[in-house]
Amino acid sequence: MSTNFAIIGGDLRMIKLAKMLVEEENTVYTYGLELAEELQGIRNINFSENLSVINQKTEIIIGSIPFSSNGKEINHPFSQKNLLIKKILPYFHGKTLIAGNISQEVYDLAKKESVKLIDIMQREELAIGNAISTAEGAIEIAMSNTSQIIHGARVLILGFGRIGKILAKKLDGLSSIVTCSARKKEDLAWIKAYGYKAINSNQLGENLSQYDIIINTIPHLILTRRKNAICKKRMFIN
């Protein structure tokens, strides 16, 4: 039995998901993916300009992971549209929206609009799988965008959550000199226990100049303009 899905915004993972869904004879309506050349010309993939049509024709709505980086817009790297959450959610009144890393502010807004939210990143097995792919992608981007080789590079990882832990392990395996930053004493203790160098995030300043590569795994701004000015010009910051 085929199902009509809607995919709103999202990155390469949503593009791959759209292709998988139509391969199983489903129909996919997209909004905020018009720049995804990989989806052009595929049967049963519709590039929609009207959210009302999506609401009428689809049973399941899928958002990006993370759903938003700034709390205002749905993440949409393959679109030039303004995907403002407060303007889009009313179109999904009475529907179920599946996404990842949904903030409390979005939950509050969805409740007012009678939209049921399902945060798949609350499922630990999916969150771990996502962390692995994100860590590998970060390393690939770092290697492609800096002349500094990974072996022996002084790498600073901001944050020691799921992604930070996996990233540190993989970079350590590549013979990088790994430092991880965190604020909680517990996290700093675990960083040292794993054998990495630890630094309190509140103490980041002039010492940023010593690192060849910095990768931010924290979903908000850590390096201010003043701190960025301290970093080495050849450094890649993710």
Foldseek 3Di string as FASTA:
>chain_A
DEFEEEEEAEDVVVVVVQVVNVVVVYAYEYELQVQVPVPPPDPRYHDDPDLLVVLVRHQEYEAYVVQDLPLFAGHRPNHPDGRGLLVNLLSNQCHEYEYAPDDVVSVVSNVVSNYHYDHPCVPPVVVLVVLLVVLVVVVVVQCVQFPDDLAAFEEEEEDDDSNNVNNQVVSVVSNYQYEYEDADPVSQVVCVVVPHHYDHLVPQALVQQRGQEYEYPDSHDSQDPRSVVNHDPRYYYD
